[in-house]
Amino acid sequence: DCVTLFFTDIYEFKKLVASVNPVKILEL
């Protein structure tokens, strides 16, 4: 009947992925 949910994400993640090495993204 009532559950509280929260989501998190990284702001401007797509821009980060475009400019940082993929291995470093996984490390992050």
PDB file of all heavy atoms in Angstrom:
ATOM      1  N   ASP A   1       0.813  -1.216   0.000  1.00  0.00           N
ATOM      2  CA  ASP A   1       0.000   0.000   0.000  1.00  0.00           C
ATOM      3  C   ASP A   1       0.848   1.269   0.000  1.00  0.00           C
ATOM      4  O   ASP A   1       0.476   2.271  -0.600  1.00  0.00           O
ATOM      5  CB  ASP A   1      -0.931   0.012   1.210  1.00  0.00           C
ATOM      6  CG  ASP A   1      -1.992  -1.075   1.115  1.00  0.00           C
ATOM      7  OD1 ASP A   1      -2.343  -1.446  -0.020  1.00  0.00           O
ATOM      8  OD2 ASP A   1      -2.452  -1.550   2.161  1.00  0.00           O
ATOM      9  N   CYS A   2       1.992   1.221   0.685  1.00  0.00           N
ATOM     10  CA  CYS A   2       2.835   2.418   0.724  1.00  0.00           C
ATOM     11  C   CYS A   2       4.299   2.048   0.915  1.00  0.00           C
ATOM     12  O   CYS A   2       4.680   1.505   1.960  1.00  0.00           O
ATOM     13  CB  CYS A   2       2.391   3.353   1.845  1.00  0.00           C
ATOM     14  SG  CYS A   2       3.274   4.941   1.796  1.00  0.00           S
ATOM     15  N   VAL A   3       5.081   2.338  -0.101  1.00  0.00           N
ATOM     16  CA  VAL A   3       6.534   2.143  -0.074  1.00  0.00           C
ATOM     17  C   VAL A   3       7.168   3.446  -0.521  1.00  0.00           C
ATOM     18  O   VAL A   3       6.645   4.131  -1.403  1.00  0.00           O
ATOM     19  CB  VAL A   3       6.959   0.986  -1.012  1.00  0.00           C
ATOM     20  CG1 VAL A   3       8.468   0.945  -1.192  1.00  0.00           C
ATOM     21  CG2 VAL A   3       6.463  -0.349  -0.463  1.00  0.00           C
ATOM     22  N   THR A   4       8.275   3.807   0.096  1.00  0.00           N
ATOM     23  CA  THR A   4       9.003   5.006  -0.319  1.00  0.00           C
ATOM     24  C   THR A   4      10.214   4.585  -1.144  1.00  0.00           C
ATOM     25  O   THR A   4      10.992   3.730  -0.717  1.00  0.00           O
ATOM     26  CB  THR A   4       9.452   5.837   0.897  1.00  0.00           C
ATOM     27  OG1 THR A   4       8.281   6.329   1.570  1.00  0.00           O
ATOM     28  CG2 THR A   4      10.312   7.019   0.467  1.00  0.00           C
ATOM     29  N   LEU A   5      10.327   5.179  -2.324  1.00  0.00           N
ATOM     30  CA  LEU A   5      11.426   4.856  -3.232  1.00  0.00           C
ATOM     31  C   LEU A   5      12.278   6.097  -3.460  1.00  0.00           C
ATOM     32  O   LEU A   5      11.761   7.207  -3.476  1.00  0.00           O
ATOM     33  CB  LEU A   5      10.890   4.385  -4.590  1.00  0.00           C
ATOM     34  CG  LEU A   5       9.879   3.235  -4.608  1.00  0.00           C
ATOM     35  CD1 LEU A   5       9.402   3.005  -6.045  1.00  0.00           C
ATOM     36  CD2 LEU A   5      10.481   1.968  -4.046  1.00  0.00           C
ATOM     37  N   PHE A   6      13.575   5.866  -3.646  1.00  0.00           N
ATOM     38  CA  PHE A   6      14.386   6.972  -4.158  1.00  0.00           C
ATOM     39  C   PHE A   6      15.369   6.477  -5.202  1.00  0.00           C
ATOM     40  O   PHE A   6      15.859   5.356  -5.132  1.00  0.00           O
ATOM     41  CB  PHE A   6      15.058   7.785  -3.044  1.00  0.00           C
ATOM     42  CG  PHE A   6      16.216   7.144  -2.320  1.00  0.00           C
ATOM     43  CD1 PHE A   6      17.474   7.081  -2.895  1.00  0.00           C
ATOM     44  CD2 PHE A   6      16.051   6.672  -1.029  1.00  0.00           C
ATOM     45  CE1 PHE A   6      18.554   6.532  -2.206  1.00  0.00           C
ATOM     46  CE2 PHE A   6      17.121   6.125  -0.330  1.00  0.00           C
ATOM     47  CZ  PHE A   6      18.371   6.056  -0.919  1.00  0.00           C
ATOM     48  N   PHE A   7      15.573   7.332  -6.189  1.00  0.00           N
ATOM     49  CA  PHE A   7      16.530   7.084  -7.266  1.00  0.00           C
ATOM     50  C   PHE A   7      17.654   8.102  -7.156  1.00  0.00           C
ATOM     51  O   PHE A   7      17.425   9.252  -6.779  1.00  0.00           O
ATOM     52  CB  PHE A   7      15.868   7.246  -8.637  1.00  0.00           C
ATOM     53  CG  PHE A   7      15.022   6.091  -9.078  1.00  0.00           C
ATOM     54  CD1 PHE A   7      13.729   5.939  -8.606  1.00  0.00           C
ATOM     55  CD2 PHE A   7      15.510   5.164  -9.993  1.00  0.00           C
ATOM     56  CE1 PHE A   7      12.940   4.883  -9.019  1.00  0.00           C
ATOM     57  CE2 PHE A   7      14.725   4.103 -10.421  1.00  0.00           C
ATOM     58  CZ  PHE A   7      13.440   3.951  -9.932  1.00  0.00           C
ATOM     59  N   THR A   8      18.854   7.686  -7.504  1.00  0.00           N
ATOM     60  CA  THR A   8      19.964   8.628  -7.634  1.00  0.00           C
ATOM     61  C   THR A   8      20.548   8.477  -9.036  1.00  0.00           C
ATOM     62  O   THR A   8      20.501   7.397  -9.628  1.00  0.00           O
ATOM     63  CB  THR A   8      21.085   8.362  -6.606  1.00  0.00           C
ATOM     64  OG1 THR A   8      21.896   7.262  -7.054  1.00  0.00           O
ATOM     65  CG2 THR A   8      20.517   8.034  -5.241  1.00  0.00           C
ATOM     66  N   ASP A   9      21.070   9.566  -9.567  1.00  0.00           N
ATOM     67  CA  ASP A   9      21.882   9.482 -10.776  1.00  0.00           C
ATOM     68  C   ASP A   9      22.945  10.578 -10.736  1.00  0.00           C
ATOM     69  O   ASP A   9      22.931  11.443  -9.858  1.00  0.00           O
ATOM     70  CB  ASP A   9      21.046   9.525 -12.065  1.00  0.00           C
ATOM     71  CG  ASP A   9      20.409  10.883 -12.352  1.00  0.00           C
ATOM     72  OD1 ASP A   9      20.724  11.864 -11.636  1.00  0.00           O
ATOM     73  OD2 ASP A   9      19.601  10.981 -13.289  1.00  0.00           O
ATOM     74  N   ILE A  10      23.886  10.505 -11.667  1.00  0.00           N
ATOM     75  CA  ILE A  10      24.964  11.483 -11.730  1.00  0.00           C
ATOM     76  C   ILE A  10      24.578  12.567 -12.727  1.00  0.00           C
ATOM     77  O   ILE A  10      24.263  12.272 -13.889  1.00  0.00           O
ATOM     78  CB  ILE A  10      26.295  10.817 -12.147  1.00  0.00           C
ATOM     79  CG1 ILE A  10      26.701   9.792 -11.086  1.00  0.00           C
ATOM     80  CG2 ILE A  10      27.395  11.859 -12.330  1.00  0.00           C
ATOM     81  CD1 ILE A  10      27.908   8.957 -11.481  1.00  0.00           C
ATOM     82  N   TYR A  11      24.591  13.799 -12.270  1.00  0.00           N
ATOM     83  CA  TYR A  11      24.208  14.917 -13.123  1.00  0.00           C
ATOM     84  C   TYR A  11      25.166  15.036 -14.312  1.00  0.00           C
ATOM     85  O   TYR A  11      26.380  14.976 -14.162  1.00  0.00           O
ATOM     86  CB  TYR A  11      24.214  16.209 -12.301  1.00  0.00           C
ATOM     87  CG  TYR A  11      23.766  17.432 -13.049  1.00  0.00           C
ATOM     88  CD1 TYR A  11      22.457  17.552 -13.497  1.00  0.00           C
ATOM     89  CD2 TYR A  11      24.653  18.481 -13.292  1.00  0.00           C
ATOM     90  CE1 TYR A  11      22.033  18.685 -14.183  1.00  0.00           C
ATOM     91  CE2 TYR A  11      24.236  19.621 -13.973  1.00  0.00           C
ATOM     92  CZ  TYR A  11      22.926  19.709 -14.418  1.00  0.00           C
ATOM     93  OH  TYR A  11      22.510  20.831 -15.089  1.00  0.00           O
ATOM     94  N   GLU A  12      24.584  15.157 -15.518  1.00  0.00           N
ATOM     95  CA  GLU A  12      25.336  15.285 -16.774  1.00  0.00           C
ATOM     96  C   GLU A  12      26.289  14.093 -16.989  1.00  0.00           C
ATOM     97  O   GLU A  12      27.435  14.253 -17.405  1.00  0.00           O
ATOM     98  CB  GLU A  12      26.092  16.609 -16.826  1.00  0.00           C
ATOM     99  CG  GLU A  12      25.160  17.817 -16.851  1.00  0.00           C
ATOM    100  CD  GLU A  12      25.880  19.136 -17.071  1.00  0.00           C
ATOM    101  OE1 GLU A  12      27.086  19.230 -16.734  1.00  0.00           O
ATOM    102  OE2 GLU A  12      25.241  20.076 -17.601  1.00  0.00           O
ATOM    103  N   PHE A  13      25.773  12.917 -16.703  1.00  0.00           N
ATOM    104  CA  PHE A  13      26.585  11.703 -16.830  1.00  0.00           C
ATOM    105  C   PHE A  13      27.009  11.442 -18.275  1.00  0.00           C
ATOM    106  O   PHE A  13      28.131  10.980 -18.529  1.00  0.00           O
ATOM    107  CB  PHE A  13      25.791  10.499 -16.292  1.00  0.00           C
ATOM    108  CG  PHE A  13      26.571   9.207 -16.282  1.00  0.00           C
ATOM    109  CD1 PHE A  13      27.651   9.043 -15.416  1.00  0.00           C
ATOM    110  CD2 PHE A  13      26.217   8.154 -17.118  1.00  0.00           C
ATOM    111  CE1 PHE A  13      28.367   7.846 -15.392  1.00  0.00           C
ATOM    112  CE2 PHE A  13      26.925   6.962 -17.099  1.00  0.00           C
ATOM    113  CZ  PHE A  13      28.000   6.811 -16.236  1.00  0.00           C
ATOM    114  N   LYS A  14      26.151  11.751 -19.229  1.00  0.00           N
ATOM    115  CA  LYS A  14      26.493  11.527 -20.636  1.00  0.00           C
ATOM    116  C   LYS A  14      27.702  12.357 -21.052  1.00  0.00           C
ATOM    117  O   LYS A  14      28.574  11.887 -21.799  1.00  0.00           O
ATOM    118  CB  LYS A  14      25.296  11.830 -21.539  1.00  0.00           C
ATOM    119  CG  LYS A  14      24.162  10.815 -21.420  1.00  0.00           C
ATOM    120  CD  LYS A  14      23.016  11.142 -22.376  1.00  0.00           C
ATOM    121  CE  LYS A  14      21.906  10.107 -22.263  1.00  0.00           C
ATOM    122  NZ  LYS A  14      20.760  10.418 -23.173  1.00  0.00           N
ATOM    123  N   LYS A  15      27.761  13.595 -20.594  1.00  0.00           N
ATOM    124  CA  LYS A  15      28.921  14.442 -20.902  1.00  0.00           C
ATOM    125  C   LYS A  15      30.182  13.877 -20.263  1.00  0.00           C
ATOM    126  O   LYS A  15      31.272  13.923 -20.843  1.00  0.00           O
ATOM    127  CB  LYS A  15      28.680  15.869 -20.394  1.00  0.00           C
ATOM    128  CG  LYS A  15      27.607  16.629 -21.159  1.00  0.00           C
ATOM    129  CD  LYS A  15      27.491  18.050 -20.637  1.00  0.00           C
ATOM    130  CE  LYS A  15      26.420  18.839 -21.397  1.00  0.00           C
ATOM    131  NZ  LYS A  15      26.280  20.221 -20.886  1.00  0.00           N
ATOM    132  N   LEU A  16      30.036  13.338 -19.067  1.00  0.00           N
ATOM    133  CA  LEU A  16      31.174  12.739 -18.362  1.00  0.00           C
ATOM    134  C   LEU A  16      31.698  11.532 -19.124  1.00  0.00           C
ATOM    135  O   LEU A  16      32.909  11.385 -19.331  1.00  0.00           O
ATOM    136  CB  LEU A  16      30.744  12.327 -16.951  1.00  0.00           C
ATOM    137  CG  LEU A  16      31.835  11.763 -16.045  1.00  0.00           C
ATOM    138  CD1 LEU A  16      32.819  12.853 -15.653  1.00  0.00           C
ATOM    139  CD2 LEU A  16      31.216  11.128 -14.797  1.00  0.00           C
ATOM    140  N   VAL A  17      30.791  10.685 -19.586  1.00  0.00           N
ATOM    141  CA  VAL A  17      31.174   9.480 -20.337  1.00  0.00           C
ATOM    142  C   VAL A  17      31.889   9.851 -21.631  1.00  0.00           C
ATOM    143  O   VAL A  17      32.821   9.162 -22.057  1.00  0.00           O
ATOM    144  CB  VAL A  17      29.926   8.620 -20.635  1.00  0.00           C
ATOM    145  CG1 VAL A  17      30.253   7.510 -21.625  1.00  0.00           C
ATOM    146  CG2 VAL A  17      29.375   8.022 -19.340  1.00  0.00           C
ATOM    147  N   ALA A  18      31.473  10.945 -22.251  1.00  0.00           N
ATOM    148  CA  ALA A  18      32.062  11.363 -23.520  1.00  0.00           C
ATOM    149  C   ALA A  18      33.482  11.892 -23.372  1.00  0.00           C
ATOM    150  O   ALA A  18      34.231  11.957 -24.352  1.00  0.00           O
ATOM    151  CB  ALA A  18      31.180  12.421 -24.183  1.00  0.00           C
ATOM    152  N   SER A  19      33.855  12.265 -22.151  1.00  0.00           N
ATOM    153  CA  SER A  19      35.161  12.903 -21.978  1.00  0.00           C
ATOM    154  C   SER A  19      36.115  12.165 -21.037  1.00  0.00           C
ATOM    155  O   SER A  19      37.254  12.594 -20.849  1.00  0.00           O
ATOM    156  CB  SER A  19      34.971  14.335 -21.468  1.00  0.00           C
ATOM    157  OG  SER A  19      34.192  14.352 -20.290  1.00  0.00           O
ATOM    158  N   VAL A  20      35.668  11.057 -20.459  1.00  0.00           N
ATOM    159  CA  VAL A  20      36.506  10.304 -19.515  1.00  0.00           C
ATOM    160  C   VAL A  20      36.675   8.870 -20.010  1.00  0.00           C
ATOM    161  O   VAL A  20      35.745   8.276 -20.565  1.00  0.00           O
ATOM    162  CB  VAL A  20      35.880  10.313 -18.099  1.00  0.00           C
ATOM    163  CG1 VAL A  20      36.685   9.429 -17.143  1.00  0.00           C
ATOM    164  CG2 VAL A  20      35.809  11.730 -17.558  1.00  0.00           C
ATOM    165  N   ASN A  21      37.861   8.324 -19.815  1.00  0.00           N
ATOM    166  CA  ASN A  21      38.160   6.949 -20.212  1.00  0.00           C
ATOM    167  C   ASN A  21      37.127   5.985 -19.616  1.00  0.00           C
ATOM    168  O   ASN A  21      36.809   6.073 -18.424  1.00  0.00           O
ATOM    169  CB  ASN A  21      39.571   6.586 -19.717  1.00  0.00           C
ATOM    170  CG  ASN A  21      40.000   5.207 -20.171  1.00  0.00           C
ATOM    171  OD1 ASN A  21      39.465   4.213 -19.708  1.00  0.00           O
ATOM    172  ND2 ASN A  21      40.980   5.158 -21.059  1.00  0.00           N
ATOM    173  N   PRO A  22      36.596   5.043 -20.427  1.00  0.00           N
ATOM    174  CA  PRO A  22      35.577   4.104 -19.933  1.00  0.00           C
ATOM    175  C   PRO A  22      36.002   3.320 -18.695  1.00  0.00           C
ATOM    176  O   PRO A  22      35.183   3.053 -17.811  1.00  0.00           O
ATOM    177  CB  PRO A  22      35.352   3.166 -21.121  1.00  0.00           C
ATOM    178  CG  PRO A  22      35.733   3.972 -22.315  1.00  0.00           C
ATOM    179  CD  PRO A  22      36.854   4.858 -21.870  1.00  0.00           C
ATOM    180  N   VAL A  23      37.276   2.961 -18.633  1.00  0.00           N
ATOM    181  CA  VAL A  23      37.769   2.225 -17.462  1.00  0.00           C
ATOM    182  C   VAL A  23      37.646   3.087 -16.211  1.00  0.00           C
ATOM    183  O   VAL A  23      37.299   2.608 -15.128  1.00  0.00           O
ATOM    184  CB  VAL A  23      39.234   1.780 -17.669  1.00  0.00           C
ATOM    185  CG1 VAL A  23      39.791   1.155 -16.392  1.00  0.00           C
ATOM    186  CG2 VAL A  23      39.321   0.782 -18.819  1.00  0.00           C
ATOM    187  N   LYS A  24      37.901   4.382 -16.363  1.00  0.00           N
ATOM    188  CA  LYS A  24      37.791   5.302 -15.244  1.00  0.00           C
ATOM    189  C   LYS A  24      36.328   5.510 -14.818  1.00  0.00           C
ATOM    190  O   LYS A  24      36.032   5.716 -13.645  1.00  0.00           O
ATOM    191  CB  LYS A  24      38.431   6.652 -15.588  1.00  0.00           C
ATOM    192  CG  LYS A  24      39.948   6.609 -15.689  1.00  0.00           C
ATOM    193  CD  LYS A  24      40.576   6.239 -14.356  1.00  0.00           C
ATOM    194  CE  LYS A  24      42.083   6.262 -14.387  1.00  0.00           C
ATOM    195  NZ  LYS A  24      42.681   5.882 -13.074  1.00  0.00           N
ATOM    196  N   ILE A  25      35.435   5.444 -15.801  1.00  0.00           N
ATOM    197  CA  ILE A  25      34.004   5.537 -15.490  1.00  0.00           C
ATOM    198  C   ILE A  25      33.585   4.346 -14.625  1.00  0.00           C
ATOM    199  O   ILE A  25      32.869   4.493 -13.624  1.00  0.00           O
ATOM    200  CB  ILE A  25      33.150   5.590 -16.770  1.00  0.00           C
ATOM    201  CG1 ILE A  25      33.394   6.891 -17.533  1.00  0.00           C
ATOM    202  CG2 ILE A  25      31.665   5.437 -16.438  1.00  0.00           C
ATOM    203  CD1 ILE A  25      32.917   8.138 -16.826  1.00  0.00           C
ATOM    204  N   LEU A  26      34.028   3.163 -15.016  1.00  0.00           N
ATOM    205  CA  LEU A  26      33.710   1.970 -14.227  1.00  0.00           C
ATOM    206  C   LEU A  26      34.322   2.062 -12.833  1.00  0.00           C
ATOM    207  O   LEU A  26      33.705   1.661 -11.839  1.00  0.00           O
ATOM    208  CB  LEU A  26      34.225   0.719 -14.942  1.00  0.00           C
ATOM    209  CG  LEU A  26      33.501   0.342 -16.232  1.00  0.00           C
ATOM    210  CD1 LEU A  26      34.207  -0.815 -16.925  1.00  0.00           C
ATOM    211  CD2 LEU A  26      32.051  -0.040 -15.946  1.00  0.00           C
ATOM    212  N   GLU A  27      35.512   2.592 -12.765  1.00  0.00           N
ATOM    213  CA  GLU A  27      36.170   2.780 -11.465  1.00  0.00           C
ATOM    214  C   GLU A  27      35.370   3.740 -10.594  1.00  0.00           C
ATOM    215  O   GLU A  27      35.184   3.513  -9.395  1.00  0.00           O
ATOM    216  CB  GLU A  27      37.590   3.314 -11.682  1.00  0.00           C
ATOM    217  CG  GLU A  27      38.410   3.437 -10.411  1.00  0.00           C
ATOM    218  CD  GLU A  27      39.814   3.943 -10.691  1.00  0.00           C
ATOM    219  OE1 GLU A  27      40.379   3.613 -11.756  1.00  0.00           O
ATOM    220  OE2 GLU A  27      40.342   4.703  -9.840  1.00  0.00           O
ATOM    221  N   LEU A  28      34.881   4.818 -11.208  1.00  0.00           N
ATOM    222  CA  LEU A  28      34.059   5.792 -10.489  1.00  0.00           C
ATOM    223  C   LEU A  28      32.800   5.138  -9.929  1.00  0.00           C
ATOM    224  O   LEU A  28      32.479   5.307  -8.738  1.00  0.00           O
ATOM    225  CB  LEU A  28      33.675   6.940 -11.428  1.00  0.00           C
ATOM    226  CG  LEU A  28      32.562   7.878 -10.929  1.00  0.00           C
ATOM    227  CD1 LEU A  28      33.045   8.689  -9.738  1.00  0.00           C
ATOM    228  CD2 LEU A  28      32.078   8.781 -12.059  1.00  0.00           C
TER     229      LEU A  28
END
